[in-house]
Amino acid sequence: PGSLPIILQLFLVEIAIDGLKIASMNTPDMLSNSLSVVGARSEVILNALSAEGICISAGSACSARKGQSGTLTAFGLTKEEIEGTVRISIGTHNTKEEIAFLAEKLAETAKRLRR
């Protein structure tokens, strides 16, 4: 899907997170991407993953102030999709196992929060 690094794309496709939408417009080699989990709030996703030792950010990099992100709106996301957007950064130091763990925990969290 979309512009995620290929390794994360493969894990997310394998897990098939229902309601996942790629929010960023980066090129495939960029390592910071925005994902939206429709029906879940980004702050709750962030806190749940933080409890698992995973550090991500809520919203877009361009939305430091409160309010709706103009960037995510320009990408065509709805208000509900923007509310569920998290930003994931993957660096060259991250292993396949860490990325798989992230994808697994993101899937578990999304399923639990979307009930």
PDB file of N, CA and C in Angstrom:
ATOM      1  N   PRO A   1       0.815  -1.202   0.000  1.00  0.00           N
ATOM      2  CA  PRO A   1       0.000   0.000   0.000  1.00  0.00           C
ATOM      3  C   PRO A   1       0.852   1.257   0.000  1.00  0.00           C
ATOM      4  N   GLY A   2       0.476   2.213  -0.785  1.00  0.00           N
ATOM      5  CA  GLY A   2       1.040   3.554  -0.733  1.00  0.00           C
ATOM      6  C   GLY A   2       2.536   3.648  -0.763  1.00  0.00           C
ATOM      7  N   SER A   3       3.075   4.512   0.093  1.00  0.00           N
ATOM      8  CA  SER A   3       4.470   4.880   0.021  1.00  0.00           C
ATOM      9  C   SER A   3       5.306   4.407   1.197  1.00  0.00           C
ATOM     10  N   LEU A   4       4.853   3.437   1.934  1.00  0.00           N
ATOM     11  CA  LEU A   4       5.616   2.935   3.072  1.00  0.00           C
ATOM     12  C   LEU A   4       6.864   2.211   2.609  1.00  0.00           C
ATOM     13  N   PRO A   5       7.914   2.202   3.438  1.00  0.00           N
ATOM     14  CA  PRO A   5       9.065   1.374   3.102  1.00  0.00           C
ATOM     15  C   PRO A   5       8.597  -0.053   2.829  1.00  0.00           C
ATOM     16  N   ILE A   6       9.167  -0.689   1.847  1.00  0.00           N
ATOM     17  CA  ILE A   6       8.687  -1.989   1.370  1.00  0.00           C
ATOM     18  C   ILE A   6       8.587  -3.030   2.476  1.00  0.00           C
ATOM     19  N   ILE A   7       9.497  -3.025   3.414  1.00  0.00           N
ATOM     20  CA  ILE A   7       9.470  -4.025   4.474  1.00  0.00           C
ATOM     21  C   ILE A   7       8.220  -3.863   5.342  1.00  0.00           C
ATOM     22  N   LEU A   8       7.860  -2.610   5.657  1.00  0.00           N
ATOM     23  CA  LEU A   8       6.665  -2.380   6.466  1.00  0.00           C
ATOM     24  C   LEU A   8       5.415  -2.669   5.646  1.00  0.00           C
ATOM     25  N   GLN A   9       5.436  -2.366   4.362  1.00  0.00           N
ATOM     26  CA  GLN A   9       4.307  -2.705   3.489  1.00  0.00           C
ATOM     27  C   GLN A   9       4.012  -4.195   3.561  1.00  0.00           C
ATOM     28  N   LEU A  10       5.056  -5.004   3.464  1.00  0.00           N
ATOM     29  CA  LEU A  10       4.872  -6.448   3.472  1.00  0.00           C
ATOM     30  C   LEU A  10       4.267  -6.932   4.776  1.00  0.00           C
ATOM     31  N   PHE A  11       4.760  -6.420   5.893  1.00  0.00           N
ATOM     32  CA  PHE A  11       4.212  -6.842   7.182  1.00  0.00           C
ATOM     33  C   PHE A  11       2.764  -6.396   7.346  1.00  0.00           C
ATOM     34  N   LEU A  12       2.443  -5.176   6.925  1.00  0.00           N
ATOM     35  CA  LEU A  12       1.079  -4.679   7.080  1.00  0.00           C
ATOM     36  C   LEU A  12       0.113  -5.412   6.158  1.00  0.00           C
ATOM     37  N   VAL A  13       0.547  -5.749   4.952  1.00  0.00           N
ATOM     38  CA  VAL A  13      -0.295  -6.515   4.044  1.00  0.00           C
ATOM     39  C   VAL A  13      -0.545  -7.901   4.624  1.00  0.00           C
ATOM     40  N   GLU A  14       0.500  -8.496   5.168  1.00  0.00           N
ATOM     41  CA  GLU A  14       0.373  -9.832   5.756  1.00  0.00           C
ATOM     42  C   GLU A  14      -0.619  -9.827   6.913  1.00  0.00           C
ATOM     43  N   ILE A  15      -0.574  -8.803   7.729  1.00  0.00           N
ATOM     44  CA  ILE A  15      -1.455  -8.707   8.887  1.00  0.00           C
ATOM     45  C   ILE A  15      -2.837  -8.184   8.483  1.00  0.00           C
ATOM     46  N   ALA A  16      -2.908  -7.421   7.401  1.00  0.00           N
ATOM     47  CA  ALA A  16      -4.160  -6.874   6.865  1.00  0.00           C
ATOM     48  C   ALA A  16      -4.954  -6.114   7.925  1.00  0.00           C
ATOM     49  N   ILE A  17      -4.465  -4.967   8.296  1.00  0.00           N
ATOM     50  CA  ILE A  17      -5.132  -4.139   9.292  1.00  0.00           C
ATOM     51  C   ILE A  17      -6.363  -3.508   8.658  1.00  0.00           C
ATOM     52  N   ASP A  18      -7.524  -3.880   9.164  1.00  0.00           N
ATOM     53  CA  ASP A  18      -8.776  -3.329   8.662  1.00  0.00           C
ATOM     54  C   ASP A  18      -8.854  -1.845   9.012  1.00  0.00           C
ATOM     55  N   GLY A  19      -9.208  -1.022   8.046  1.00  0.00           N
ATOM     56  CA  GLY A  19      -9.363   0.402   8.284  1.00  0.00           C
ATOM     57  C   GLY A  19      -8.074   1.190   8.181  1.00  0.00           C
ATOM     58  N   LEU A  20      -6.979   0.554   7.776  1.00  0.00           N
ATOM     59  CA  LEU A  20      -5.708   1.252   7.646  1.00  0.00           C
ATOM     60  C   LEU A  20      -5.702   2.047   6.357  1.00  0.00           C
ATOM     61  N   LYS A  21      -5.250   3.291   6.444  1.00  0.00           N
ATOM     62  CA  LYS A  21      -5.115   4.130   5.259  1.00  0.00           C
ATOM     63  C   LYS A  21      -3.753   4.791   5.308  1.00  0.00           C
ATOM     64  N   ILE A  22      -3.037   4.741   4.184  1.00  0.00           N
ATOM     65  CA  ILE A  22      -1.751   5.414   4.087  1.00  0.00           C
ATOM     66  C   ILE A  22      -2.032   6.900   3.901  1.00  0.00           C
ATOM     67  N   ALA A  23      -1.506   7.718   4.799  1.00  0.00           N
ATOM     68  CA  ALA A  23      -1.810   9.147   4.764  1.00  0.00           C
ATOM     69  C   ALA A  23      -0.697   9.982   4.153  1.00  0.00           C
ATOM     70  N   SER A  24       0.531   9.478   4.136  1.00  0.00           N
ATOM     71  CA  SER A  24       1.651  10.283   3.653  1.00  0.00           C
ATOM     72  C   SER A  24       1.779  10.184   2.148  1.00  0.00           C
ATOM     73  N   MET A  25       2.518  11.116   1.589  1.00  0.00           N
ATOM     74  CA  MET A  25       2.741  11.145   0.152  1.00  0.00           C
ATOM     75  C   MET A  25       4.235  11.008  -0.150  1.00  0.00           C
ATOM     76  N   ASN A  26       4.967  10.343   0.745  1.00  0.00           N
ATOM     77  CA  ASN A  26       6.410  10.196   0.575  1.00  0.00           C
ATOM     78  C   ASN A  26       6.745   9.212  -0.533  1.00  0.00           C
ATOM     79  N   THR A  27       7.994   9.240  -0.972  1.00  0.00           N
ATOM     80  CA  THR A  27       8.462   8.268  -1.949  1.00  0.00           C
ATOM     81  C   THR A  27       8.796   6.974  -1.222  1.00  0.00           C
ATOM     82  N   PRO A  28       8.875   5.844  -1.925  1.00  0.00           N
ATOM     83  CA  PRO A  28       9.098   4.544  -1.268  1.00  0.00           C
ATOM     84  C   PRO A  28      10.371   4.470  -0.432  1.00  0.00           C
ATOM     85  N   ASP A  29      11.359   5.300  -0.712  1.00  0.00           N
ATOM     86  CA  ASP A  29      12.599   5.213   0.053  1.00  0.00           C
ATOM     87  C   ASP A  29      12.598   6.107   1.290  1.00  0.00           C
ATOM     88  N   MET A  30      11.548   6.881   1.501  1.00  0.00           N
ATOM     89  CA  MET A  30      11.475   7.722   2.693  1.00  0.00           C
ATOM     90  C   MET A  30      11.104   6.845   3.880  1.00  0.00           C
ATOM     91  N   LEU A  31      11.623   7.175   5.039  1.00  0.00           N
ATOM     92  CA  LEU A  31      11.465   6.308   6.198  1.00  0.00           C
ATOM     93  C   LEU A  31      10.510   6.857   7.250  1.00  0.00           C
ATOM     94  N   SER A  32       9.850   7.970   6.982  1.00  0.00           N
ATOM     95  CA  SER A  32       8.857   8.515   7.892  1.00  0.00           C
ATOM     96  C   SER A  32       7.527   8.546   7.155  1.00  0.00           C
ATOM     97  N   ASN A  33       6.526   7.918   7.722  1.00  0.00           N
ATOM     98  CA  ASN A  33       5.252   7.772   7.036  1.00  0.00           C
ATOM     99  C   ASN A  33       4.099   7.981   7.997  1.00  0.00           C
ATOM    100  N   SER A  34       3.001   8.496   7.454  1.00  0.00           N
ATOM    101  CA  SER A  34       1.792   8.680   8.242  1.00  0.00           C
ATOM    102  C   SER A  34       0.777   7.627   7.847  1.00  0.00           C
ATOM    103  N   LEU A  35       0.183   7.019   8.865  1.00  0.00           N
ATOM    104  CA  LEU A  35      -0.852   6.012   8.677  1.00  0.00           C
ATOM    105  C   LEU A  35      -2.081   6.449   9.452  1.00  0.00           C
ATOM    106  N   SER A  36      -3.239   6.163   8.918  1.00  0.00           N
ATOM    107  CA  SER A  36      -4.474   6.454   9.626  1.00  0.00           C
ATOM    108  C   SER A  36      -5.198   5.153   9.921  1.00  0.00           C
ATOM    109  N   VAL A  37      -5.591   4.992  11.181  1.00  0.00           N
ATOM    110  CA  VAL A  37      -6.415   3.862  11.577  1.00  0.00           C
ATOM    111  C   VAL A  37      -7.807   4.439  11.826  1.00  0.00           C
ATOM    112  N   VAL A  38      -8.675   4.257  10.844  1.00  0.00           N
ATOM    113  CA  VAL A  38     -10.011   4.831  10.906  1.00  0.00           C
ATOM    114  C   VAL A  38     -10.782   4.229  12.080  1.00  0.00           C
ATOM    115  N   GLY A  39     -11.382   5.112  12.878  1.00  0.00           N
ATOM    116  CA  GLY A  39     -12.165   4.658  14.026  1.00  0.00           C
ATOM    117  C   GLY A  39     -11.383   4.627  15.322  1.00  0.00           C
ATOM    118  N   ALA A  40     -10.111   4.984  15.273  1.00  0.00           N
ATOM    119  CA  ALA A  40      -9.289   5.034  16.485  1.00  0.00           C
ATOM    120  C   ALA A  40      -8.672   6.429  16.583  1.00  0.00           C
ATOM    121  N   ARG A  41      -8.391   6.875  17.782  1.00  0.00           N
ATOM    122  CA  ARG A  41      -7.772   8.197  17.977  1.00  0.00           C
ATOM    123  C   ARG A  41      -6.258   8.038  18.076  1.00  0.00           C
ATOM    124  N   SER A  42      -5.539   8.937  17.424  1.00  0.00           N
ATOM    125  CA  SER A  42      -4.084   8.825  17.347  1.00  0.00           C
ATOM    126  C   SER A  42      -3.415   8.821  18.722  1.00  0.00           C
ATOM    127  N   GLU A  43      -3.906   9.639  19.644  1.00  0.00           N
ATOM    128  CA  GLU A  43      -3.284   9.692  20.968  1.00  0.00           C
ATOM    129  C   GLU A  43      -3.424   8.371  21.710  1.00  0.00           C
ATOM    130  N   VAL A  44      -4.539   7.696  21.512  1.00  0.00           N
ATOM    131  CA  VAL A  44      -4.767   6.401  22.170  1.00  0.00           C
ATOM    132  C   VAL A  44      -3.863   5.340  21.546  1.00  0.00           C
ATOM    133  N   ILE A  45      -3.725   5.370  20.221  1.00  0.00           N
ATOM    134  CA  ILE A  45      -2.801   4.449  19.531  1.00  0.00           C
ATOM    135  C   ILE A  45      -1.385   4.680  20.038  1.00  0.00           C
ATOM    136  N   LEU A  46      -0.981   5.944  20.101  1.00  0.00           N
ATOM    137  CA  LEU A  46       0.355   6.318  20.563  1.00  0.00           C
ATOM    138  C   LEU A  46       0.608   5.772  21.969  1.00  0.00           C
ATOM    139  N   ASN A  47      -0.333   5.972  22.877  1.00  0.00           N
ATOM    140  CA  ASN A  47      -0.159   5.509  24.259  1.00  0.00           C
ATOM    141  C   ASN A  47      -0.112   3.986  24.350  1.00  0.00           C
ATOM    142  N   ALA A  48      -0.955   3.312  23.581  1.00  0.00           N
ATOM    143  CA  ALA A  48      -0.973   1.847  23.604  1.00  0.00           C
ATOM    144  C   ALA A  48       0.348   1.278  23.096  1.00  0.00           C
ATOM    145  N   LEU A  49       0.872   1.842  22.019  1.00  0.00           N
ATOM    146  CA  LEU A  49       2.140   1.351  21.474  1.00  0.00           C
ATOM    147  C   LEU A  49       3.318   1.738  22.368  1.00  0.00           C
ATOM    148  N   SER A  50       3.217   2.896  23.011  1.00  0.00           N
ATOM    149  CA  SER A  50       4.265   3.314  23.944  1.00  0.00           C
ATOM    150  C   SER A  50       4.385   2.311  25.089  1.00  0.00           C
ATOM    151  N   ALA A  51       3.258   1.780  25.546  1.00  0.00           N
ATOM    152  CA  ALA A  51       3.261   0.772  26.612  1.00  0.00           C
ATOM    153  C   ALA A  51       3.967  -0.508  26.173  1.00  0.00           C
ATOM    154  N   GLU A  52       4.071  -0.715  24.852  1.00  0.00           N
ATOM    155  CA  GLU A  52       4.767  -1.879  24.295  1.00  0.00           C
ATOM    156  C   GLU A  52       6.235  -1.553  23.969  1.00  0.00           C
ATOM    157  N   GLY A  53       6.659  -0.317  24.288  1.00  0.00           N
ATOM    158  CA  GLY A  53       8.037   0.092  24.021  1.00  0.00           C
ATOM    159  C   GLY A  53       8.253   0.632  22.619  1.00  0.00           C
ATOM    160  N   ILE A  54       7.153   0.977  21.932  1.00  0.00           N
ATOM    161  CA  ILE A  54       7.239   1.492  20.562  1.00  0.00           C
ATOM    162  C   ILE A  54       6.982   2.989  20.588  1.00  0.00           C
ATOM    163  N   CYS A  55       7.899   3.760  20.019  1.00  0.00           N
ATOM    164  CA  CYS A  55       7.765   5.209  19.985  1.00  0.00           C
ATOM    165  C   CYS A  55       7.326   5.657  18.603  1.00  0.00           C
ATOM    166  N   ILE A  56       6.159   6.282  18.533  1.00  0.00           N
ATOM    167  CA  ILE A  56       5.631   6.874  17.302  1.00  0.00           C
ATOM    168  C   ILE A  56       5.118   8.260  17.669  1.00  0.00           C
ATOM    169  N   SER A  57       4.602   8.989  16.694  1.00  0.00           N
ATOM    170  CA  SER A  57       4.054  10.319  16.942  1.00  0.00           C
ATOM    171  C   SER A  57       2.614  10.367  16.465  1.00  0.00           C
ATOM    172  N   ALA A  58       1.844  11.274  17.053  1.00  0.00           N
ATOM    173  CA  ALA A  58       0.453  11.462  16.640  1.00  0.00           C
ATOM    174  C   ALA A  58       0.374  12.569  15.604  1.00  0.00           C
ATOM    175  N   GLY A  59      -0.515  12.397  14.634  1.00  0.00           N
ATOM    176  CA  GLY A  59      -0.734  13.430  13.628  1.00  0.00           C
ATOM    177  C   GLY A  59       0.383  13.526  12.616  1.00  0.00           C
ATOM    178  N   SER A  60       0.416  14.647  11.921  1.00  0.00           N
ATOM    179  CA  SER A  60       1.460  14.855  10.913  1.00  0.00           C
ATOM    180  C   SER A  60       2.569  15.716  11.497  1.00  0.00           C
ATOM    181  N   ALA A  61       3.721  15.705  10.862  1.00  0.00           N
ATOM    182  CA  ALA A  61       4.847  16.529  11.314  1.00  0.00           C
ATOM    183  C   ALA A  61       4.509  18.006  11.195  1.00  0.00           C
ATOM    184  N   CYS A  62       3.548  18.338  10.382  1.00  0.00           N
ATOM    185  CA  CYS A  62       3.171  19.732  10.133  1.00  0.00           C
ATOM    186  C   CYS A  62       2.021  20.199  11.010  1.00  0.00           C
ATOM    187  N   SER A  63       1.683  19.452  12.057  1.00  0.00           N
ATOM    188  CA  SER A  63       0.536  19.833  12.893  1.00  0.00           C
ATOM    189  C   SER A  63       0.926  19.931  14.355  1.00  0.00           C
ATOM    190  N   ALA A  64       1.959  20.701  14.652  1.00  0.00           N
ATOM    191  CA  ALA A  64       2.415  20.851  16.031  1.00  0.00           C
ATOM    192  C   ALA A  64       1.368  21.574  16.884  1.00  0.00           C
ATOM    193  N   ARG A  65       0.608  22.459  16.264  1.00  0.00           N
ATOM    194  CA  ARG A  65      -0.446  23.165  16.993  1.00  0.00           C
ATOM    195  C   ARG A  65      -1.699  22.304  17.044  1.00  0.00           C
ATOM    196  N   LYS A  66      -2.549  22.631  18.014  1.00  0.00           N
ATOM    197  CA  LYS A  66      -3.836  21.936  18.087  1.00  0.00           C
ATOM    198  C   LYS A  66      -4.671  22.317  16.876  1.00  0.00           C
ATOM    199  N   GLY A  67      -5.556  21.423  16.507  1.00  0.00           N
ATOM    200  CA  GLY A  67      -6.413  21.685  15.363  1.00  0.00           C
ATOM    201  C   GLY A  67      -6.121  20.706  14.251  1.00  0.00           C
ATOM    202  N   GLN A  68      -6.910  20.803  13.218  1.00  0.00           N
ATOM    203  CA  GLN A  68      -6.798  19.873  12.100  1.00  0.00           C
ATOM    204  C   GLN A  68      -5.591  20.211  11.232  1.00  0.00           C
ATOM    205  N   SER A  69      -4.858  19.208  10.836  1.00  0.00           N
ATOM    206  CA  SER A  69      -3.673  19.384  10.007  1.00  0.00           C
ATOM    207  C   SER A  69      -4.055  19.778   8.589  1.00  0.00           C
ATOM    208  N   GLY A  70      -3.547  20.917   8.147  1.00  0.00           N
ATOM    209  CA  GLY A  70      -3.774  21.340   6.765  1.00  0.00           C
ATOM    210  C   GLY A  70      -3.123  20.393   5.781  1.00  0.00           C
ATOM    211  N   THR A  71      -1.991  19.809   6.175  1.00  0.00           N
ATOM    212  CA  THR A  71      -1.288  18.868   5.305  1.00  0.00           C
ATOM    213  C   THR A  71      -2.120  17.613   5.089  1.00  0.00           C
ATOM    214  N   LEU A  72      -2.622  17.034   6.161  1.00  0.00           N
ATOM    215  CA  LEU A  72      -3.418  15.815   6.036  1.00  0.00           C
ATOM    216  C   LEU A  72      -4.743  16.091   5.327  1.00  0.00           C
ATOM    217  N   THR A  73      -5.298  17.268   5.522  1.00  0.00           N
ATOM    218  CA  THR A  73      -6.503  17.661   4.797  1.00  0.00           C
ATOM    219  C   THR A  73      -6.199  17.750   3.303  1.00  0.00           C
ATOM    220  N   ALA A  74      -5.043  18.314   2.970  1.00  0.00           N
ATOM    221  CA  ALA A  74      -4.638  18.430   1.561  1.00  0.00           C
ATOM    222  C   ALA A  74      -4.430  17.055   0.925  1.00  0.00           C
ATOM    223  N   PHE A  75      -4.061  16.060   1.718  1.00  0.00           N
ATOM    224  CA  PHE A  75      -3.905  14.692   1.206  1.00  0.00           C
ATOM    225  C   PHE A  75      -5.261  14.042   0.946  1.00  0.00           C
ATOM    226  N   GLY A  76      -6.347  14.728   1.346  1.00  0.00           N
ATOM    227  CA  GLY A  76      -7.682  14.204   1.087  1.00  0.00           C
ATOM    228  C   GLY A  76      -8.265  13.376   2.213  1.00  0.00           C
ATOM    229  N   LEU A  77      -7.664  13.437   3.405  1.00  0.00           N
ATOM    230  CA  LEU A  77      -8.173  12.660   4.529  1.00  0.00           C
ATOM    231  C   LEU A  77      -9.395  13.334   5.137  1.00  0.00           C
ATOM    232  N   THR A  78     -10.320  12.515   5.607  1.00  0.00           N
ATOM    233  CA  THR A  78     -11.497  13.020   6.306  1.00  0.00           C
ATOM    234  C   THR A  78     -11.103  13.388   7.738  1.00  0.00           C
ATOM    235  N   LYS A  79     -11.998  14.059   8.441  1.00  0.00           N
ATOM    236  CA  LYS A  79     -11.735  14.418   9.840  1.00  0.00           C
ATOM    237  C   LYS A  79     -11.475  13.156  10.669  1.00  0.00           C
ATOM    238  N   GLU A  80     -12.283  12.115  10.455  1.00  0.00           N
ATOM    239  CA  GLU A  80     -12.111  10.862  11.192  1.00  0.00           C
ATOM    240  C   GLU A  80     -10.755  10.220  10.897  1.00  0.00           C
ATOM    241  N   GLU A  81     -10.325  10.263   9.645  1.00  0.00           N
ATOM    242  CA  GLU A  81      -9.018   9.701   9.280  1.00  0.00           C
ATOM    243  C   GLU A  81      -7.880  10.505   9.903  1.00  0.00           C
ATOM    244  N   ILE A  82      -8.026  11.822   9.933  1.00  0.00           N
ATOM    245  CA  ILE A  82      -7.002  12.678  10.538  1.00  0.00           C
ATOM    246  C   ILE A  82      -6.890  12.394  12.029  1.00  0.00           C
ATOM    247  N   GLU A  83      -8.018  12.195  12.688  1.00  0.00           N
ATOM    248  CA  GLU A  83      -8.010  11.906  14.133  1.00  0.00           C
ATOM    249  C   GLU A  83      -7.298  10.600  14.460  1.00  0.00           C
ATOM    250  N   GLY A  84      -7.227   9.683  13.501  1.00  0.00           N
ATOM    251  CA  GLY A  84      -6.572   8.394  13.720  1.00  0.00           C
ATOM    252  C   GLY A  84      -5.199   8.285  13.088  1.00  0.00           C
ATOM    253  N   THR A  85      -4.597   9.422  12.738  1.00  0.00           N
ATOM    254  CA  THR A  85      -3.310   9.396  12.044  1.00  0.00           C
ATOM    255  C   THR A  85      -2.134   9.381  13.016  1.00  0.00           C
ATOM    256  N   VAL A  86      -1.218   8.460  12.764  1.00  0.00           N
ATOM    257  CA  VAL A  86       0.038   8.390  13.508  1.00  0.00           C
ATOM    258  C   VAL A  86       1.192   8.451  12.513  1.00  0.00           C
ATOM    259  N   ARG A  87       2.325   8.922  12.990  1.00  0.00           N
ATOM    260  CA  ARG A  87       3.520   9.034  12.149  1.00  0.00           C
ATOM    261  C   ARG A  87       4.554   8.044  12.652  1.00  0.00           C
ATOM    262  N   ILE A  88       5.041   7.232  11.745  1.00  0.00           N
ATOM    263  CA  ILE A  88       6.012   6.192  12.076  1.00  0.00           C
ATOM    264  C   ILE A  88       7.305   6.479  11.347  1.00  0.00           C
ATOM    265  N   SER A  89       8.391   6.518  12.084  1.00  0.00           N
ATOM    266  CA  SER A  89       9.711   6.718  11.482  1.00  0.00           C
ATOM    267  C   SER A  89      10.525   5.448  11.644  1.00  0.00           C
ATOM    268  N   ILE A  90      11.079   4.994  10.546  1.00  0.00           N
ATOM    269  CA  ILE A  90      11.917   3.797  10.550  1.00  0.00           C
ATOM    270  C   ILE A  90      13.290   4.205  10.043  1.00  0.00           C
ATOM    271  N   GLY A  91      14.312   3.846  10.802  1.00  0.00           N
ATOM    272  CA  GLY A  91      15.671   4.191  10.412  1.00  0.00           C
ATOM    273  C   GLY A  91      16.461   2.965   9.996  1.00  0.00           C
ATOM    274  N   THR A  92      17.641   3.216   9.500  1.00  0.00           N
ATOM    275  CA  THR A  92      18.499   2.126   9.043  1.00  0.00           C
ATOM    276  C   THR A  92      18.920   1.220  10.192  1.00  0.00           C
ATOM    277  N   HIS A  93      18.816   1.725  11.420  1.00  0.00           N
ATOM    278  CA  HIS A  93      19.183   0.921  12.591  1.00  0.00           C
ATOM    279  C   HIS A  93      18.068  -0.036  13.017  1.00  0.00           C
ATOM    280  N   ASN A  94      16.853   0.138  12.490  1.00  0.00           N
ATOM    281  CA  ASN A  94      15.754  -0.764  12.839  1.00  0.00           C
ATOM    282  C   ASN A  94      15.899  -2.088  12.107  1.00  0.00           C
ATOM    283  N   THR A  95      15.618  -3.170  12.833  1.00  0.00           N
ATOM    284  CA  THR A  95      15.719  -4.510  12.252  1.00  0.00           C
ATOM    285  C   THR A  95      14.370  -4.955  11.698  1.00  0.00           C
ATOM    286  N   LYS A  96      14.393  -6.013  10.877  1.00  0.00           N
ATOM    287  CA  LYS A  96      13.144  -6.586  10.366  1.00  0.00           C
ATOM    288  C   LYS A  96      12.274  -7.051  11.522  1.00  0.00           C
ATOM    289  N   GLU A  97      12.902  -7.584  12.554  1.00  0.00           N
ATOM    290  CA  GLU A  97      12.154  -8.072  13.713  1.00  0.00           C
ATOM    291  C   GLU A  97      11.437  -6.923  14.429  1.00  0.00           C
ATOM    292  N   GLU A  98      12.096  -5.788  14.563  1.00  0.00           N
ATOM    293  CA  GLU A  98      11.468  -4.627  15.201  1.00  0.00           C
ATOM    294  C   GLU A  98      10.294  -4.118  14.364  1.00  0.00           C
ATOM    295  N   ILE A  99      10.466  -4.114  13.066  1.00  0.00           N
ATOM    296  CA  ILE A  99       9.398  -3.653  12.176  1.00  0.00           C
ATOM    297  C   ILE A  99       8.224  -4.632  12.221  1.00  0.00           C
ATOM    298  N   ALA A 100       8.514  -5.916  12.272  1.00  0.00           N
ATOM    299  CA  ALA A 100       7.455  -6.924  12.390  1.00  0.00           C
ATOM    300  C   ALA A 100       6.708  -6.750  13.711  1.00  0.00           C
ATOM    301  N   PHE A 101       7.439  -6.475  14.789  1.00  0.00           N
ATOM    302  CA  PHE A 101       6.833  -6.253  16.102  1.00  0.00           C
ATOM    303  C   PHE A 101       5.914  -5.030  16.052  1.00  0.00           C
ATOM    304  N   LEU A 102       6.382  -3.947  15.428  1.00  0.00           N
ATOM    305  CA  LEU A 102       5.573  -2.750  15.260  1.00  0.00           C
ATOM    306  C   LEU A 102       4.285  -3.072  14.507  1.00  0.00           C
ATOM    307  N   ALA A 103       4.392  -3.760  13.383  1.00  0.00           N
ATOM    308  CA  ALA A 103       3.221  -4.083  12.572  1.00  0.00           C
ATOM    309  C   ALA A 103       2.239  -4.953  13.361  1.00  0.00           C
ATOM    310  N   GLU A 104       2.761  -5.933  14.096  1.00  0.00           N
ATOM    311  CA  GLU A 104       1.909  -6.815  14.900  1.00  0.00           C
ATOM    312  C   GLU A 104       1.173  -6.036  15.980  1.00  0.00           C
ATOM    313  N   LYS A 105       1.897  -5.192  16.702  1.00  0.00           N
ATOM    314  CA  LYS A 105       1.282  -4.430  17.797  1.00  0.00           C
ATOM    315  C   LYS A 105       0.330  -3.366  17.265  1.00  0.00           C
ATOM    316  N   LEU A 106       0.650  -2.777  16.112  1.00  0.00           N
ATOM    317  CA  LEU A 106      -0.260  -1.812  15.492  1.00  0.00           C
ATOM    318  C   LEU A 106      -1.559  -2.501  15.105  1.00  0.00           C
ATOM    319  N   ALA A 107      -1.457  -3.691  14.538  1.00  0.00           N
ATOM    320  CA  ALA A 107      -2.650  -4.454  14.155  1.00  0.00           C
ATOM    321  C   ALA A 107      -3.491  -4.799  15.383  1.00  0.00           C
ATOM    322  N   GLU A 108      -2.855  -5.302  16.437  1.00  0.00           N
ATOM    323  CA  GLU A 108      -3.566  -5.654  17.669  1.00  0.00           C
ATOM    324  C   GLU A 108      -4.261  -4.426  18.265  1.00  0.00           C
ATOM    325  N   THR A 109      -3.542  -3.323  18.301  1.00  0.00           N
ATOM    326  CA  THR A 109      -4.085  -2.087  18.873  1.00  0.00           C
ATOM    327  C   THR A 109      -5.254  -1.578  18.049  1.00  0.00           C
ATOM    328  N   ALA A 110      -5.106  -1.570  16.724  1.00  0.00           N
ATOM    329  CA  ALA A 110      -6.175  -1.103  15.845  1.00  0.00           C
ATOM    330  C   ALA A 110      -7.432  -1.955  16.022  1.00  0.00           C
ATOM    331  N   LYS A 111      -7.262  -3.262  16.076  1.00  0.00           N
ATOM    332  CA  LYS A 111      -8.421  -4.152  16.245  1.00  0.00           C
ATOM    333  C   LYS A 111      -9.113  -3.903  17.593  1.00  0.00           C
ATOM    334  N   ARG A 112      -8.323  -3.747  18.638  1.00  0.00           N
ATOM    335  CA  ARG A 112      -8.886  -3.530  19.967  1.00  0.00           C
ATOM    336  C   ARG A 112      -9.618  -2.189  20.053  1.00  0.00           C
ATOM    337  N   LEU A 113      -9.047  -1.152  19.461  1.00  0.00           N
ATOM    338  CA  LEU A 113      -9.643   0.186  19.575  1.00  0.00           C
ATOM    339  C   LEU A 113     -10.830   0.390  18.651  1.00  0.00           C
ATOM    340  N   ARG A 114     -10.932  -0.407  17.610  1.00  0.00           N
ATOM    341  CA  ARG A 114     -12.012  -0.223  16.641  1.00  0.00           C
ATOM    342  C   ARG A 114     -13.236  -1.070  16.962  1.00  0.00           C
ATOM    343  N   ARG A 115     -13.236  -1.800  18.045  1.00  0.00           N
ATOM    344  CA  ARG A 115     -14.389  -2.657  18.404  1.00  0.00           C
ATOM    345  C   ARG A 115     -15.629  -1.849  18.612  1.00  0.00           C
TER     346      ARG A 115
END
